Amino acid sequence: ETAFDHDLNTGERVTRKVQKVPSGHNPEDYVVRRLHAPGHDGARIPLTVMHRKDTKIDGSAPLLLYGYGSYGMSMPAEFSTNRLSVVDRGFVYAVAHVRGGTDCGYGWYDPDGKMMKKKNSFYDFIACAEHLVAEKYTSEGRVAIQGGSA
């Protein structure tokens, strides 16, 4: 975890704190990307994807896809030693920022991700998995999923 001060007027960024990972961690060994999956209704579903630089993006890597989209909660793309542990084992780790949360503004939750449109959360999650297969981050049969709650 790194804390910065960012001057909005000048764009200057100053590092204030860097959390050390006890087992060692070189940020240069990892890739983090923001992708967008095409939704069933034309929406662009954001995805945060993380993997080691030496992970082959040819469909051979296993993938853990996490999603949560409810109660207007957004899923921040943040550092986690748990994710690092999975990625260091050769997995691609992805977060599907599905409707039901507020990752794309309040409308992503209400009206697009609750009550009669709650099914969008699930359609979005499926679209993200299919997109990651199509883009060769993994392949069918190599996707594990994680989520919870509503």
Protein backbone atom coordinates (compact mmCIF):
# COMPACT_ATOMS: atom_id res chain seq x y z
CA GLU A 1 0.00 0.00 0.00
CA THR A 2 1.36 3.41 -0.94
CA ALA A 3 0.10 6.78 0.27
CA PHE A 4 0.58 9.89 -1.87
CA ASP A 5 -0.04 13.61 -1.64
CA HIS A 6 -1.30 14.88 -4.99
CA ASP A 7 -1.43 18.59 -5.85
CA LEU A 8 -4.45 19.05 -8.13
CA ASN A 9 -3.18 22.42 -9.37
CA THR A 10 0.29 21.32 -10.45
CA GLY A 11 -0.17 17.56 -10.90
CA GLU A 12 2.80 16.96 -8.59
CA ARG A 13 2.65 13.69 -6.65
CA VAL A 14 4.75 13.02 -3.56
CA THR A 15 5.08 9.54 -2.03
CA ARG A 16 4.44 9.72 1.73
CA LYS A 17 4.37 6.06 2.78
CA VAL A 18 5.14 2.68 1.21
CA GLN A 19 3.97 -0.46 3.01
CA LYS A 20 6.55 -3.23 2.89
CA VAL A 21 5.40 -6.78 2.17
CA PRO A 22 7.14 -9.10 4.68
CA SER A 23 7.79 -11.86 2.12
CA GLY A 24 9.24 -9.38 -0.34
CA HIS A 25 7.55 -7.73 -3.27
CA ASN A 26 8.85 -6.02 -6.36
CA PRO A 27 6.06 -3.99 -8.04
CA GLU A 28 7.98 -4.17 -11.32
CA ASP A 29 7.20 -7.92 -11.48
CA TYR A 30 3.45 -7.31 -11.94
CA VAL A 31 1.06 -5.91 -14.51
CA VAL A 32 -2.25 -4.24 -13.63
CA ARG A 33 -4.66 -3.29 -16.41
CA ARG A 34 -8.11 -1.77 -16.73
CA LEU A 35 -10.20 -3.48 -19.39
CA HIS A 36 -13.83 -3.18 -20.42
CA ALA A 37 -16.05 -6.12 -21.29
CA PRO A 38 -19.01 -5.65 -23.63
CA GLY A 39 -22.23 -6.16 -21.67
CA HIS A 40 -25.33 -7.95 -22.95
CA ASP A 41 -27.06 -4.59 -23.44
CA GLY A 42 -24.10 -2.60 -24.80
CA ALA A 43 -22.81 -1.36 -21.43
CA ARG A 44 -19.04 -1.32 -20.95
CA ILE A 45 -18.23 -3.34 -17.82
CA PRO A 46 -14.94 -2.31 -16.16
CA LEU A 47 -12.47 -5.01 -15.17
CA THR A 48 -9.27 -4.68 -13.15
CA VAL A 49 -6.79 -7.40 -14.12
CA MET A 50 -3.53 -8.28 -12.36
CA HIS A 51 -0.88 -10.85 -13.22
CA ARG A 52 2.85 -11.38 -13.06
CA LYS A 53 4.82 -10.06 -16.02
CA ASP A 54 6.05 -13.58 -16.72
CA THR A 55 2.52 -15.04 -16.89
CA LYS A 56 1.73 -16.06 -20.46
CA ILE A 57 -1.42 -14.40 -21.81
CA ASP A 58 -2.20 -17.19 -24.24
CA GLY A 59 -5.19 -18.86 -22.56
CA SER A 60 -3.11 -21.25 -20.46
CA ALA A 61 -3.22 -19.39 -17.12
CA PRO A 62 -5.87 -20.13 -14.49
CA LEU A 63 -7.99 -17.13 -13.55
CA LEU A 64 -9.73 -16.08 -10.34
CA LEU A 65 -12.58 -13.65 -11.09
CA TYR A 66 -14.02 -11.71 -8.16
CA GLY A 67 -17.24 -9.76 -8.28
CA TYR A 68 -19.58 -7.95 -5.94
CA GLY A 69 -22.31 -5.61 -7.07
CA SER A 70 -24.85 -4.62 -4.48
CA TYR A 71 -25.96 -1.86 -2.14
CA GLY A 72 -24.08 0.76 -4.16
CA MET A 73 -20.67 -0.41 -2.94
CA SER A 74 -17.77 0.11 -5.32
CA MET A 75 -14.90 -2.35 -5.57
CA PRO A 76 -11.68 -0.33 -5.42
CA ALA A 77 -8.67 -1.54 -7.36
CA GLU A 78 -6.40 -1.78 -4.34
CA PHE A 79 -3.29 -3.70 -3.35
CA SER A 80 -3.84 -6.90 -1.39
CA THR A 81 -1.32 -9.45 -0.19
CA ASN A 82 -4.02 -12.13 -0.64
CA ARG A 83 -4.25 -11.27 -4.34
CA LEU A 84 -0.47 -11.22 -4.57
CA SER A 85 -0.36 -14.76 -3.18
CA VAL A 86 -2.74 -16.00 -5.89
CA VAL A 87 -0.93 -14.14 -8.68
CA ASP A 88 2.45 -15.45 -7.52
CA ARG A 89 1.06 -18.96 -8.04
CA GLY A 90 0.53 -18.24 -11.75
CA PHE A 91 -3.08 -17.09 -11.66
CA VAL A 92 -4.51 -14.06 -13.38
CA TYR A 93 -6.65 -12.17 -10.83
CA ALA A 94 -9.52 -10.00 -12.03
CA VAL A 95 -12.19 -7.86 -10.39
CA ALA A 96 -15.44 -7.42 -12.33
CA HIS A 97 -16.88 -3.99 -11.47
CA VAL A 98 -20.47 -5.05 -12.15
CA ARG A 99 -23.68 -3.07 -11.93
CA GLY A 100 -25.15 -2.95 -8.46
CA GLY A 101 -22.09 -1.10 -7.18
CA THR A 102 -21.21 2.51 -7.93
CA ASP A 103 -17.95 1.96 -9.82
CA CYS A 104 -19.37 3.92 -12.77
CA GLY A 105 -21.46 6.39 -10.77
CA TYR A 106 -24.71 6.14 -8.85
CA GLY A 107 -26.68 5.12 -11.95
CA TRP A 108 -24.58 1.94 -12.09
CA TYR A 109 -26.46 1.00 -8.89
CA ASP A 110 -29.82 2.76 -9.26
CA PRO A 111 -31.54 2.19 -11.59
CA ASP A 112 -29.22 -0.20 -13.50
CA GLY A 113 -28.19 -2.69 -10.80
CA LYS A 114 -31.01 -3.24 -8.34
CA MET A 115 -34.53 -4.58 -8.03
CA MET A 116 -35.93 -5.48 -11.47
CA LYS A 117 -32.51 -4.83 -13.03
CA LYS A 118 -30.52 -6.83 -10.46
CA LYS A 119 -29.99 -9.47 -13.13
CA ASN A 120 -27.56 -7.02 -14.79
CA SER A 121 -25.05 -7.79 -12.00
CA PHE A 122 -25.01 -11.43 -13.06
CA TYR A 123 -25.05 -10.72 -16.79
CA ASP A 124 -22.11 -8.35 -16.28
CA PHE A 125 -20.15 -10.96 -14.35
CA ILE A 126 -20.69 -13.53 -17.09
CA ALA A 127 -19.71 -10.97 -19.74
CA CYS A 128 -16.46 -10.28 -17.87
CA ALA A 129 -15.58 -13.98 -17.71
CA GLU A 130 -16.33 -14.41 -21.41
CA HIS A 131 -14.26 -11.34 -22.29
CA LEU A 132 -11.25 -12.60 -20.33
CA VAL A 133 -11.46 -15.91 -22.20
CA ALA A 134 -11.81 -14.11 -25.56
CA GLU A 135 -8.77 -11.94 -24.76
CA LYS A 136 -6.71 -15.06 -23.87
CA TYR A 137 -6.18 -14.22 -20.20
CA THR A 138 -7.49 -17.74 -19.54
CA SER A 139 -9.60 -20.40 -21.23
CA GLU A 140 -12.86 -22.24 -20.59
CA GLY A 141 -12.50 -24.64 -17.69
CA ARG A 142 -9.72 -22.59 -16.07
CA VAL A 143 -11.92 -19.91 -14.45
CA ALA A 144 -12.61 -19.89 -10.70
CA ILE A 145 -15.08 -17.34 -9.35
CA GLN A 146 -15.59 -15.62 -6.02
CA GLY A 147 -18.30 -13.30 -4.77
CA GLY A 148 -20.89 -13.02 -2.09
CA SER A 149 -23.99 -11.46 -0.60
CA ALA A 150 -26.77 -10.09 -2.80
